[in-house]
């Protein structure tokens, strides 16, 4: 999912060989790199891009689900979905804070998102058409996110790794919540099961695209793996996701929309069909159904919240001035 943040990344670095060797030795020894530690420019840039994209994805990911809070079918569903959307907002704040330890401001990251320079996960550029989509997102999208995020708990950069521990715990709840919605629909009336199947049909392939391009087309994956920002390749994570999701779909009595899906005894994994990479790149480059609407919503929120940010900064300055005045009076 967050490998998409490496698209167009600049992993090149200019430090001398001895510095790079000493840094790599720390990485290989599984030491955590902290904000004040010396690090290659490319390592810092890669982290800023990936963590920023991750943070943007959490915040933009609130939009397709937030649209269903008032239309959820019961008070219980409303409360659970509201809690989930609130969690996603918290995840974005953790991650923006982690990125800020690398010397980039939240304002800069937001400006890059609104200008199109920075990206968020392509999955959030698809519309949520029915209540069943909320179940499919929880089951598939959050399930794919967990596949990406659990290894990030062992990321070589300390603030990112520590932020991911809480994020993963909450994402696990989100995945179970989505699966429970799909189970309720699949065991309901024929019309409800049809809704669940329709949502699965529409979200399956975009969920596989979340892991990013094939390894052979991922230009910066090797360096990210060497620095232990990533622990698994895109294709390894995608295969894990397929292997774990197929039995879940079978238990629900739903059919994954892939005629080529079958178990391969020789590989010990499921084989699956070809992904439409033309669609992937079209959506990543801004041609998705909801691209413009998502960015417009973020821009409106950023502009409407400007007075709040200004008020918080002004209040902080007043408190600082009062503390300094009290300190001078005491002296």
C-alpha atoms as a PDB file:
ATOM      1  CA  UNK A   1       0.000   0.000   0.000  1.00  0.00           C
ATOM      2  CA  UNK A   2       2.628   2.496   1.059  1.00  0.00           C
ATOM      3  CA  UNK A   3       5.039   1.272  -1.607  1.00  0.00           C
ATOM      4  CA  UNK A   4       2.985   3.540  -3.860  1.00  0.00           C
ATOM      5  CA  UNK A   5       4.658   6.367  -1.948  1.00  0.00           C
ATOM      6  CA  UNK A   6       7.992   5.300  -3.419  1.00  0.00           C
ATOM      7  CA  UNK A   7       6.834   5.950  -6.979  1.00  0.00           C
ATOM      8  CA  UNK A   8       9.079   8.744  -8.215  1.00  0.00           C
ATOM      9  CA  UNK A   9      11.134   8.758  -5.008  1.00  0.00           C
ATOM     10  CA  UNK A  10      14.757   9.942  -5.083  1.00  0.00           C
ATOM     11  CA  UNK A  11      16.788   7.368  -3.180  1.00  0.00           C
ATOM     12  CA  UNK A  12      20.104   8.654  -4.511  1.00  0.00           C
ATOM     13  CA  UNK A  13      22.490   9.853  -1.860  1.00  0.00           C
ATOM     14  CA  UNK A  14      25.806  11.740  -1.939  1.00  0.00           C
ATOM     15  CA  UNK A  15      27.621  10.687   1.221  1.00  0.00           C
ATOM     16  CA  UNK A  16      31.057   9.053   1.082  1.00  0.00           C
ATOM     17  CA  UNK A  17      31.457   5.286   1.132  1.00  0.00           C
ATOM     18  CA  UNK A  18      32.710   5.101   4.729  1.00  0.00           C
ATOM     19  CA  UNK A  19      29.654   6.966   6.044  1.00  0.00           C
ATOM     20  CA  UNK A  20      27.290   4.798   4.022  1.00  0.00           C
ATOM     21  CA  UNK A  21      29.035   1.618   5.157  1.00  0.00           C
ATOM     22  CA  UNK A  22      28.836   2.648   8.822  1.00  0.00           C
ATOM     23  CA  UNK A  23      25.147   3.514   8.444  1.00  0.00           C
ATOM     24  CA  UNK A  24      24.382   0.229   6.703  1.00  0.00           C
ATOM     25  CA  UNK A  25      26.182  -1.636   9.476  1.00  0.00           C
ATOM     26  CA  UNK A  26      23.764  -0.101  11.982  1.00  0.00           C
ATOM     27  CA  UNK A  27      20.823  -1.106   9.800  1.00  0.00           C
ATOM     28  CA  UNK A  28      22.142  -4.660   9.424  1.00  0.00           C
ATOM     29  CA  UNK A  29      22.586  -4.864  13.200  1.00  0.00           C
ATOM     30  CA  UNK A  30      18.861  -4.023  13.584  1.00  0.00           C
ATOM     31  CA  UNK A  31      19.600  -0.760  15.400  1.00  0.00           C
ATOM     32  CA  UNK A  32      16.828   1.829  15.299  1.00  0.00           C
ATOM     33  CA  UNK A  33      17.696   5.118  13.612  1.00  0.00           C
ATOM     34  CA  UNK A  34      16.451   8.100  15.638  1.00  0.00           C
ATOM     35  CA  UNK A  35      15.734  11.682  14.496  1.00  0.00           C
ATOM     36  CA  UNK A  36      19.036  13.197  15.644  1.00  0.00           C
ATOM     37  CA  UNK A  37      21.171  10.364  14.265  1.00  0.00           C
ATOM     38  CA  UNK A  38      23.235  10.972  11.116  1.00  0.00           C
ATOM     39  CA  UNK A  39      21.533   9.406   8.109  1.00  0.00           C
ATOM     40  CA  UNK A  40      21.948   9.472   4.315  1.00  0.00           C
ATOM     41  CA  UNK A  41      20.009  12.136   2.458  1.00  0.00           C
ATOM     42  CA  UNK A  42      18.344   9.445   0.358  1.00  0.00           C
ATOM     43  CA  UNK A  43      17.204   7.575   3.476  1.00  0.00           C
ATOM     44  CA  UNK A  44      15.641  10.743   4.887  1.00  0.00           C
ATOM     45  CA  UNK A  45      13.954  11.612   1.590  1.00  0.00           C
ATOM     46  CA  UNK A  46      12.582   8.099   1.167  1.00  0.00           C
ATOM     47  CA  UNK A  47      11.095   8.108   4.660  1.00  0.00           C
ATOM     48  CA  UNK A  48       9.557  11.557   4.245  1.00  0.00           C
ATOM     49  CA  UNK A  49       7.906  10.460   1.022  1.00  0.00           C
ATOM     50  CA  UNK A  50       6.644   7.128   2.362  1.00  0.00           C
ATOM     51  CA  UNK A  51       5.466   8.363   5.774  1.00  0.00           C
ATOM     52  CA  UNK A  52       3.857  11.416   4.195  1.00  0.00           C
ATOM     53  CA  UNK A  53       2.006   9.250   1.680  1.00  0.00           C
ATOM     54  CA  UNK A  54       0.937   6.950   4.510  1.00  0.00           C
ATOM     55  CA  UNK A  55      -0.369   9.909   6.546  1.00  0.00           C
ATOM     56  CA  UNK A  56      -2.233  11.351   3.555  1.00  0.00           C
ATOM     57  CA  UNK A  57      -3.806   7.931   2.938  1.00  0.00           C
ATOM     58  CA  UNK A  58      -5.122   7.721   6.492  1.00  0.00           C
ATOM     59  CA  UNK A  59      -6.697  11.181   6.291  1.00  0.00           C
ATOM     60  CA  UNK A  60      -8.131  10.797   2.780  1.00  0.00           C
ATOM     61  CA  UNK A  61      -9.311   7.314   3.777  1.00  0.00           C
ATOM     62  CA  UNK A  62     -11.750   8.926   6.206  1.00  0.00           C
ATOM     63  CA  UNK A  63     -13.748  10.380   3.310  1.00  0.00           C
ATOM     64  CA  UNK A  64     -15.310   7.318   1.630  1.00  0.00           C
ATOM     65  CA  UNK A  65     -16.375   5.870   4.990  1.00  0.00           C
ATOM     66  CA  UNK A  66     -17.367   9.123   6.643  1.00  0.00           C
ATOM     67  CA  UNK A  67     -19.901   9.467   3.852  1.00  0.00           C
ATOM     68  CA  UNK A  68     -21.796   6.486   5.353  1.00  0.00           C
ATOM     69  CA  UNK A  69     -21.873   7.387   9.057  1.00  0.00           C
ATOM     70  CA  UNK A  70     -25.333   8.978   8.897  1.00  0.00           C
ATOM     71  CA  UNK A  71     -26.627   6.230   6.586  1.00  0.00           C
ATOM     72  CA  UNK A  72     -25.427   3.193   8.539  1.00  0.00           C
ATOM     73  CA  UNK A  73     -28.298   0.740   9.119  1.00  0.00           C
ATOM     74  CA  UNK A  74     -28.318   0.849  12.944  1.00  0.00           C
ATOM     75  CA  UNK A  75     -27.068   2.845  15.905  1.00  0.00           C
ATOM     76  CA  UNK A  76     -24.500   0.125  16.599  1.00  0.00           C
ATOM     77  CA  UNK A  77     -23.157   0.382  13.051  1.00  0.00           C
ATOM     78  CA  UNK A  78     -23.064   4.174  13.244  1.00  0.00           C
ATOM     79  CA  UNK A  79     -21.082   4.121  16.481  1.00  0.00           C
ATOM     80  CA  UNK A  80     -18.620   1.526  15.197  1.00  0.00           C
ATOM     81  CA  UNK A  81     -18.050   3.348  11.920  1.00  0.00           C
ATOM     82  CA  UNK A  82     -17.680   6.683  13.679  1.00  0.00           C
ATOM     83  CA  UNK A  83     -15.041   5.155  15.957  1.00  0.00           C
ATOM     84  CA  UNK A  84     -13.212   3.739  12.950  1.00  0.00           C
ATOM     85  CA  UNK A  85     -13.159   7.052  11.082  1.00  0.00           C
ATOM     86  CA  UNK A  86     -11.908   8.745  14.239  1.00  0.00           C
ATOM     87  CA  UNK A  87      -9.123   6.158  14.484  1.00  0.00           C
ATOM     88  CA  UNK A  88      -8.051   6.895  10.914  1.00  0.00           C
ATOM     89  CA  UNK A  89      -7.757  10.594  11.740  1.00  0.00           C
ATOM     90  CA  UNK A  90      -5.571   9.706  14.726  1.00  0.00           C
ATOM     91  CA  UNK A  91      -3.369   7.512  12.537  1.00  0.00           C
ATOM     92  CA  UNK A  92      -2.799  10.425  10.193  1.00  0.00           C
ATOM     93  CA  UNK A  93      -1.750  12.638  13.101  1.00  0.00           C
ATOM     94  CA  UNK A  94       0.705  10.022  14.449  1.00  0.00           C
ATOM     95  CA  UNK A  95       2.265   9.706  11.022  1.00  0.00           C
ATOM     96  CA  UNK A  96       2.483  13.429  10.281  1.00  0.00           C
ATOM     97  CA  UNK A  97       4.251  13.768  13.630  1.00  0.00           C
ATOM     98  CA  UNK A  98       6.669  10.963  12.716  1.00  0.00           C
ATOM     99  CA  UNK A  99       7.445  12.654   9.389  1.00  0.00           C
ATOM    100  CA  UNK A 100       8.027  15.985  11.137  1.00  0.00           C
ATOM    101  CA  UNK A 101      10.899  14.421  13.100  1.00  0.00           C
ATOM    102  CA  UNK A 102      12.705  14.207   9.743  1.00  0.00           C
ATOM    103  CA  UNK A 103      12.608  17.967   9.260  1.00  0.00           C
ATOM    104  CA  UNK A 104       9.553  18.395   7.043  1.00  0.00           C
ATOM    105  CA  UNK A 105       6.590  20.487   8.161  1.00  0.00           C
ATOM    106  CA  UNK A 106       2.959  19.421   8.090  1.00  0.00           C
ATOM    107  CA  UNK A 107       2.204  22.503   6.013  1.00  0.00           C
ATOM    108  CA  UNK A 108       4.731  21.436   3.384  1.00  0.00           C
ATOM    109  CA  UNK A 109       3.356  17.888   3.244  1.00  0.00           C
ATOM    110  CA  UNK A 110      -0.198  19.184   2.868  1.00  0.00           C
ATOM    111  CA  UNK A 111       0.785  21.639   0.148  1.00  0.00           C
ATOM    112  CA  UNK A 112       2.483  18.828  -1.767  1.00  0.00           C
ATOM    113  CA  UNK A 113      -0.664  16.709  -1.472  1.00  0.00           C
ATOM    114  CA  UNK A 114      -2.939  19.494  -2.709  1.00  0.00           C
ATOM    115  CA  UNK A 115      -0.596  20.320  -5.601  1.00  0.00           C
ATOM    116  CA  UNK A 116      -0.431  16.692  -6.718  1.00  0.00           C
ATOM    117  CA  UNK A 117       3.275  16.316  -5.951  1.00  0.00           C
ATOM    118  CA  UNK A 118       2.529  13.912  -3.096  1.00  0.00           C
ATOM    119  CA  UNK A 119       0.184  10.952  -3.449  1.00  0.00           C
ATOM    120  CA  UNK A 120      -2.111   8.866  -1.287  1.00  0.00           C
ATOM    121  CA  UNK A 121      -3.162   5.263  -1.780  1.00  0.00           C
ATOM    122  CA  UNK A 122      -4.964   4.720  -5.079  1.00  0.00           C
ATOM    123  CA  UNK A 123      -7.675   2.657  -3.341  1.00  0.00           C
ATOM    124  CA  UNK A 124      -9.373   5.776  -1.988  1.00  0.00           C
ATOM    125  CA  UNK A 125     -10.176   7.026  -5.468  1.00  0.00           C
ATOM    126  CA  UNK A 126     -12.994   4.503  -5.821  1.00  0.00           C
ATOM    127  CA  UNK A 127     -16.549   5.422  -4.716  1.00  0.00           C
ATOM    128  CA  UNK A 128     -18.498   3.731  -1.906  1.00  0.00           C
ATOM    129  CA  UNK A 129     -21.775   2.918  -3.644  1.00  0.00           C
ATOM    130  CA  UNK A 130     -23.566   0.789  -1.019  1.00  0.00           C
ATOM    131  CA  UNK A 131     -23.375  -0.093   2.661  1.00  0.00           C
ATOM    132  CA  UNK A 132     -21.698  -3.363   1.652  1.00  0.00           C
ATOM    133  CA  UNK A 133     -18.736  -1.309   0.420  1.00  0.00           C
ATOM    134  CA  UNK A 134     -18.023  -0.362   4.030  1.00  0.00           C
ATOM    135  CA  UNK A 135     -17.734  -4.056   4.858  1.00  0.00           C
ATOM    136  CA  UNK A 136     -15.548  -4.732   1.821  1.00  0.00           C
ATOM    137  CA  UNK A 137     -13.249  -1.828   2.703  1.00  0.00           C
ATOM    138  CA  UNK A 138     -12.843  -3.065   6.257  1.00  0.00           C
ATOM    139  CA  UNK A 139     -12.224  -6.645   5.182  1.00  0.00           C
ATOM    140  CA  UNK A 140     -10.121  -6.132   2.056  1.00  0.00           C
ATOM    141  CA  UNK A 141      -8.628  -2.637   2.203  1.00  0.00           C
ATOM    142  CA  UNK A 142      -7.785  -2.717   5.902  1.00  0.00           C
ATOM    143  CA  UNK A 143      -6.717  -6.338   5.524  1.00  0.00           C
ATOM    144  CA  UNK A 144      -4.264  -5.317   2.797  1.00  0.00           C
ATOM    145  CA  UNK A 145      -3.139  -2.387   4.936  1.00  0.00           C
ATOM    146  CA  UNK A 146      -2.350  -4.732   7.822  1.00  0.00           C
ATOM    147  CA  UNK A 147      -0.205  -6.871   5.515  1.00  0.00           C
ATOM    148  CA  UNK A 148       1.814  -3.744   4.755  1.00  0.00           C
ATOM    149  CA  UNK A 149       1.821  -2.297   8.249  1.00  0.00           C
ATOM    150  CA  UNK A 150       2.833  -5.191  10.477  1.00  0.00           C
ATOM    151  CA  UNK A 151       6.330  -5.333   8.925  1.00  0.00           C
ATOM    152  CA  UNK A 152       6.565  -1.552   9.390  1.00  0.00           C
ATOM    153  CA  UNK A 153       6.548  -2.139  13.161  1.00  0.00           C
ATOM    154  CA  UNK A 154      10.120  -3.340  12.538  1.00  0.00           C
ATOM    155  CA  UNK A 155      11.044  -0.438  10.244  1.00  0.00           C
ATOM    156  CA  UNK A 156      14.591   0.788  10.833  1.00  0.00           C
ATOM    157  CA  UNK A 157      13.376   4.325  11.616  1.00  0.00           C
ATOM    158  CA  UNK A 158      12.327   4.419  15.258  1.00  0.00           C
ATOM    159  CA  UNK A 159       9.482   6.999  15.253  1.00  0.00           C
ATOM    160  CA  UNK A 160       7.768   5.305  12.296  1.00  0.00           C
ATOM    161  CA  UNK A 161       8.110   1.838  13.796  1.00  0.00           C
ATOM    162  CA  UNK A 162       6.723   2.926  17.168  1.00  0.00           C
ATOM    163  CA  UNK A 163       3.779   4.782  15.611  1.00  0.00           C
ATOM    164  CA  UNK A 164       2.861   1.641  13.687  1.00  0.00           C
ATOM    165  CA  UNK A 165       2.408  -0.489  16.814  1.00  0.00           C
ATOM    166  CA  UNK A 166      -0.770   1.325  17.850  1.00  0.00           C
ATOM    167  CA  UNK A 167      -1.907   1.774  14.251  1.00  0.00           C
ATOM    168  CA  UNK A 168      -1.739  -1.982  13.643  1.00  0.00           C
ATOM    169  CA  UNK A 169      -3.749  -2.773  16.761  1.00  0.00           C
ATOM    170  CA  UNK A 170      -6.528  -0.453  15.644  1.00  0.00           C
ATOM    171  CA  UNK A 171      -6.404  -1.591  12.013  1.00  0.00           C
ATOM    172  CA  UNK A 172      -6.889  -5.161  13.210  1.00  0.00           C
ATOM    173  CA  UNK A 173     -10.162  -4.041  14.816  1.00  0.00           C
ATOM    174  CA  UNK A 174     -11.177  -2.322  11.575  1.00  0.00           C
ATOM    175  CA  UNK A 175     -10.534  -5.464   9.556  1.00  0.00           C
ATOM    176  CA  UNK A 176     -12.640  -7.591  11.898  1.00  0.00           C
ATOM    177  CA  UNK A 177     -15.406  -5.002  11.836  1.00  0.00           C
ATOM    178  CA  UNK A 178     -15.512  -5.094   8.037  1.00  0.00           C
ATOM    179  CA  UNK A 179     -15.488  -8.873   7.899  1.00  0.00           C
ATOM    180  CA  UNK A 180     -18.359  -9.026  10.391  1.00  0.00           C
ATOM    181  CA  UNK A 181     -20.398  -6.670   8.176  1.00  0.00           C
ATOM    182  CA  UNK A 182     -19.731  -8.899   5.165  1.00  0.00           C
ATOM    183  CA  UNK A 183     -20.653 -12.009   7.156  1.00  0.00           C
ATOM    184  CA  UNK A 184     -23.952 -10.472   8.269  1.00  0.00           C
ATOM    185  CA  UNK A 185     -24.807  -9.582   4.671  1.00  0.00           C
ATOM    186  CA  UNK A 186     -23.664 -12.937   3.261  1.00  0.00           C
ATOM    187  CA  UNK A 187     -25.864 -14.794   5.761  1.00  0.00           C
ATOM    188  CA  UNK A 188     -28.827 -12.463   5.266  1.00  0.00           C
ATOM    189  CA  UNK A 189     -31.429 -12.301   2.519  1.00  0.00           C
ATOM    190  CA  UNK A 190     -30.533 -13.101  -1.106  1.00  0.00           C
ATOM    191  CA  UNK A 191     -30.530  -9.368  -1.845  1.00  0.00           C
ATOM    192  CA  UNK A 192     -28.112  -8.707   1.033  1.00  0.00           C
ATOM    193  CA  UNK A 193     -25.774 -11.473  -0.117  1.00  0.00           C
ATOM    194  CA  UNK A 194     -25.904 -10.025  -3.613  1.00  0.00           C
ATOM    195  CA  UNK A 195     -24.852  -6.642  -2.194  1.00  0.00           C
ATOM    196  CA  UNK A 196     -21.880  -8.285  -0.484  1.00  0.00           C
ATOM    197  CA  UNK A 197     -20.873 -10.115  -3.677  1.00  0.00           C
ATOM    198  CA  UNK A 198     -21.167  -6.929  -5.726  1.00  0.00           C
ATOM    199  CA  UNK A 199     -18.938  -5.030  -3.290  1.00  0.00           C
ATOM    200  CA  UNK A 200     -16.380  -7.858  -3.367  1.00  0.00           C
ATOM    201  CA  UNK A 201     -16.400  -7.813  -7.166  1.00  0.00           C
ATOM    202  CA  UNK A 202     -15.614  -4.080  -7.244  1.00  0.00           C
ATOM    203  CA  UNK A 203     -13.018  -3.909  -4.464  1.00  0.00           C
ATOM    204  CA  UNK A 204     -11.006  -7.083  -5.055  1.00  0.00           C
ATOM    205  CA  UNK A 205      -8.725  -5.921  -7.860  1.00  0.00           C
ATOM    206  CA  UNK A 206      -8.128  -2.394  -6.480  1.00  0.00           C
ATOM    207  CA  UNK A 207      -7.147  -4.078  -3.189  1.00  0.00           C
ATOM    208  CA  UNK A 208      -4.485  -6.125  -4.985  1.00  0.00           C
ATOM    209  CA  UNK A 209      -3.208  -2.939  -6.627  1.00  0.00           C
ATOM    210  CA  UNK A 210      -2.671  -1.402  -3.169  1.00  0.00           C
ATOM    211  CA  UNK A 211       0.601  -3.286  -2.811  1.00  0.00           C
ATOM    212  CA  UNK A 212       2.162  -1.302  -5.632  1.00  0.00           C
ATOM    213  CA  UNK A 213       3.763  -2.329  -8.914  1.00  0.00           C
ATOM    214  CA  UNK A 214       5.287  -5.739  -9.566  1.00  0.00           C
ATOM    215  CA  UNK A 215       8.743  -6.092  -8.067  1.00  0.00           C
ATOM    216  CA  UNK A 216      10.324  -5.859 -11.513  1.00  0.00           C
ATOM    217  CA  UNK A 217       8.665  -2.478 -12.054  1.00  0.00           C
ATOM    218  CA  UNK A 218       9.383  -1.105  -8.563  1.00  0.00           C
ATOM    219  CA  UNK A 219      12.463   1.047  -9.106  1.00  0.00           C
ATOM    220  CA  UNK A 220      13.231   1.935  -5.496  1.00  0.00           C
ATOM    221  CA  UNK A 221      12.162  -1.209  -3.664  1.00  0.00           C
ATOM    222  CA  UNK A 222      15.646  -2.747  -3.446  1.00  0.00           C
ATOM    223  CA  UNK A 223      17.150   0.263  -1.694  1.00  0.00           C
ATOM    224  CA  UNK A 224      14.196   0.539   0.665  1.00  0.00           C
ATOM    225  CA  UNK A 225      14.626  -3.146   1.520  1.00  0.00           C
ATOM    226  CA  UNK A 226      18.375  -2.690   2.096  1.00  0.00           C
ATOM    227  CA  UNK A 227      17.665   0.169   4.498  1.00  0.00           C
ATOM    228  CA  UNK A 228      15.003  -2.022   6.153  1.00  0.00           C
ATOM    229  CA  UNK A 229      12.310   0.577   5.692  1.00  0.00           C
ATOM    230  CA  UNK A 230      10.453  -2.228   3.941  1.00  0.00           C
ATOM    231  CA  UNK A 231      10.824  -5.857   5.008  1.00  0.00           C
ATOM    232  CA  UNK A 232       8.986  -7.603   2.172  1.00  0.00           C
ATOM    233  CA  UNK A 233       8.616  -6.907  -1.530  1.00  0.00           C
ATOM    234  CA  UNK A 234       5.353  -5.784  -3.126  1.00  0.00           C
ATOM    235  CA  UNK A 235       4.726  -9.175  -4.705  1.00  0.00           C
ATOM    236  CA  UNK A 236       5.504 -11.077  -1.490  1.00  0.00           C
ATOM    237  CA  UNK A 237       2.948  -9.024   0.431  1.00  0.00           C
ATOM    238  CA  UNK A 238       0.374  -9.326  -2.348  1.00  0.00           C
ATOM    239  CA  UNK A 239       0.762 -13.122  -2.337  1.00  0.00           C
ATOM    240  CA  UNK A 240       0.355 -13.259   1.453  1.00  0.00           C
ATOM    241  CA  UNK A 241      -2.828 -11.233   1.133  1.00  0.00           C
ATOM    242  CA  UNK A 242      -4.306 -13.520  -1.520  1.00  0.00           C
ATOM    243  CA  UNK A 243      -3.391 -16.661   0.430  1.00  0.00           C
ATOM    244  CA  UNK A 244      -5.062 -15.391   3.595  1.00  0.00           C
ATOM    245  CA  UNK A 245      -8.138 -13.879   1.939  1.00  0.00           C
ATOM    246  CA  UNK A 246      -9.246 -16.785  -0.271  1.00  0.00           C
ATOM    247  CA  UNK A 247     -10.244 -19.032   2.702  1.00  0.00           C
ATOM    248  CA  UNK A 248     -12.089 -16.097   4.280  1.00  0.00           C
ATOM    249  CA  UNK A 249     -14.134 -15.585   1.106  1.00  0.00           C
ATOM    250  CA  UNK A 250     -14.883 -19.304   0.961  1.00  0.00           C
ATOM    251  CA  UNK A 251     -16.139 -19.215   4.555  1.00  0.00           C
ATOM    252  CA  UNK A 252     -18.456 -16.352   3.646  1.00  0.00           C
ATOM    253  CA  UNK A 253     -19.785 -18.263   0.675  1.00  0.00           C
ATOM    254  CA  UNK A 254     -18.683 -15.469  -1.681  1.00  0.00           C
ATOM    255  CA  UNK A 255     -16.779 -15.842  -4.939  1.00  0.00           C
ATOM    256  CA  UNK A 256     -13.631 -13.883  -5.689  1.00  0.00           C
ATOM    257  CA  UNK A 257     -13.931 -12.293  -9.156  1.00  0.00           C
ATOM    258  CA  UNK A 258     -10.940 -14.082 -10.682  1.00  0.00           C
ATOM    259  CA  UNK A 259     -11.480 -17.093 -12.974  1.00  0.00           C
ATOM    260  CA  UNK A 260      -7.731 -17.823 -12.888  1.00  0.00           C
ATOM    261  CA  UNK A 261      -7.621 -18.157  -9.091  1.00  0.00           C
ATOM    262  CA  UNK A 262      -6.561 -21.663  -8.051  1.00  0.00           C
ATOM    263  CA  UNK A 263      -4.337 -23.431  -5.535  1.00  0.00           C
ATOM    264  CA  UNK A 264      -0.883 -24.388  -6.777  1.00  0.00           C
ATOM    265  CA  UNK A 265       0.452 -27.445  -4.921  1.00  0.00           C
ATOM    266  CA  UNK A 266       3.920 -26.995  -6.348  1.00  0.00           C
ATOM    267  CA  UNK A 267       4.266 -23.400  -5.150  1.00  0.00           C
ATOM    268  CA  UNK A 268       2.202 -23.834  -1.997  1.00  0.00           C
ATOM    269  CA  UNK A 269       0.320 -20.644  -2.843  1.00  0.00           C
ATOM    270  CA  UNK A 270      -2.714 -19.509  -4.789  1.00  0.00           C
ATOM    271  CA  UNK A 271      -2.172 -18.495  -8.390  1.00  0.00           C
ATOM    272  CA  UNK A 272      -4.234 -15.502  -9.448  1.00  0.00           C
ATOM    273  CA  UNK A 273      -4.998 -13.608 -12.625  1.00  0.00           C
ATOM    274  CA  UNK A 274      -3.323 -10.611 -14.210  1.00  0.00           C
ATOM    275  CA  UNK A 275      -3.835  -7.200 -12.631  1.00  0.00           C
ATOM    276  CA  UNK A 276      -4.934  -4.346 -14.882  1.00  0.00           C
ATOM    277  CA  UNK A 277      -1.880  -2.150 -14.444  1.00  0.00           C
ATOM    278  CA  UNK A 278      -3.180   0.375 -16.968  1.00  0.00           C
ATOM    279  CA  UNK A 279      -6.017   1.095 -14.545  1.00  0.00           C
ATOM    280  CA  UNK A 280      -3.570   1.298 -11.639  1.00  0.00           C
ATOM    281  CA  UNK A 281      -1.385   3.906 -13.316  1.00  0.00           C
ATOM    282  CA  UNK A 282      -4.395   5.852 -14.560  1.00  0.00           C
ATOM    283  CA  UNK A 283      -5.737   6.145 -10.999  1.00  0.00           C
ATOM    284  CA  UNK A 284      -2.317   6.911  -9.470  1.00  0.00           C
ATOM    285  CA  UNK A 285      -1.842   9.710 -12.002  1.00  0.00           C
ATOM    286  CA  UNK A 286      -5.168  11.326 -11.103  1.00  0.00           C
ATOM    287  CA  UNK A 287      -7.647   9.643 -13.424  1.00  0.00           C
ATOM    288  CA  UNK A 288      -9.685   7.786 -10.810  1.00  0.00           C
ATOM    289  CA  UNK A 289     -13.399   8.311 -10.287  1.00  0.00           C
ATOM    290  CA  UNK A 290     -12.904  10.250  -7.054  1.00  0.00           C
ATOM    291  CA  UNK A 291      -9.446  11.855  -7.452  1.00  0.00           C
ATOM    292  CA  UNK A 292     -10.655  15.414  -7.952  1.00  0.00           C
ATOM    293  CA  UNK A 293     -13.346  15.142  -5.279  1.00  0.00           C
ATOM    294  CA  UNK A 294     -10.910  13.769  -2.681  1.00  0.00           C
ATOM    295  CA  UNK A 295      -8.374  16.555  -3.250  1.00  0.00           C
ATOM    296  CA  UNK A 296     -11.120  19.189  -3.277  1.00  0.00           C
ATOM    297  CA  UNK A 297     -12.379  17.904   0.085  1.00  0.00           C
ATOM    298  CA  UNK A 298      -8.884  18.057   1.584  1.00  0.00           C
ATOM    299  CA  UNK A 299      -8.319  21.558   0.225  1.00  0.00           C
ATOM    300  CA  UNK A 300     -11.615  22.773   1.685  1.00  0.00           C
ATOM    301  CA  UNK A 301     -10.775  21.254   5.082  1.00  0.00           C
ATOM    302  CA  UNK A 302      -7.298  22.824   5.009  1.00  0.00           C
ATOM    303  CA  UNK A 303      -8.595  26.251   4.026  1.00  0.00           C
ATOM    304  CA  UNK A 304     -11.536  26.173   6.455  1.00  0.00           C
ATOM    305  CA  UNK A 305      -9.215  25.179   9.309  1.00  0.00           C
ATOM    306  CA  UNK A 306      -6.735  27.990   8.755  1.00  0.00           C
ATOM    307  CA  UNK A 307      -8.286  30.193  11.448  1.00  0.00           C
ATOM    308  CA  UNK A 308      -8.034  27.342  13.955  1.00  0.00           C
ATOM    309  CA  UNK A 309      -4.328  26.886  13.251  1.00  0.00           C
ATOM    310  CA  UNK A 310      -3.745  30.611  13.556  1.00  0.00           C
ATOM    311  CA  UNK A 311      -5.672  30.751  16.827  1.00  0.00           C
ATOM    312  CA  UNK A 312      -3.695  27.848  18.311  1.00  0.00           C
ATOM    313  CA  UNK A 313      -0.378  29.484  17.352  1.00  0.00           C
ATOM    314  CA  UNK A 314      -1.485  32.852  18.760  1.00  0.00           C
ATOM    315  CA  UNK A 315      -2.595  31.208  22.004  1.00  0.00           C
ATOM    316  CA  UNK A 316       0.742  29.426  22.232  1.00  0.00           C
ATOM    317  CA  UNK A 317       2.626  32.687  21.798  1.00  0.00           C
ATOM    318  CA  UNK A 318       0.537  34.351  24.543  1.00  0.00           C
ATOM    319  CA  UNK A 319       1.207  31.487  26.957  1.00  0.00           C
ATOM    320  CA  UNK A 320       4.915  31.662  26.168  1.00  0.00           C
ATOM    321  CA  UNK A 321       4.954  35.426  26.760  1.00  0.00           C
ATOM    322  CA  UNK A 322       3.141  35.008  30.100  1.00  0.00           C
ATOM    323  CA  UNK A 323       5.605  32.348  31.255  1.00  0.00           C
ATOM    324  CA  UNK A 324       8.568  34.510  30.301  1.00  0.00           C
ATOM    325  CA  UNK A 325       7.053  37.543  32.058  1.00  0.00           C
ATOM    326  CA  UNK A 326       6.418  35.499  35.211  1.00  0.00           C
ATOM    327  CA  UNK A 327       9.971  34.174  35.109  1.00  0.00           C
ATOM    328  CA  UNK A 328      11.417  37.676  34.809  1.00  0.00           C
ATOM    329  CA  UNK A 329       9.219  38.938  37.669  1.00  0.00           C
ATOM    330  CA  UNK A 330      10.397  36.058  39.885  1.00  0.00           C
ATOM    331  CA  UNK A 331      14.023  36.952  39.197  1.00  0.00           C
END
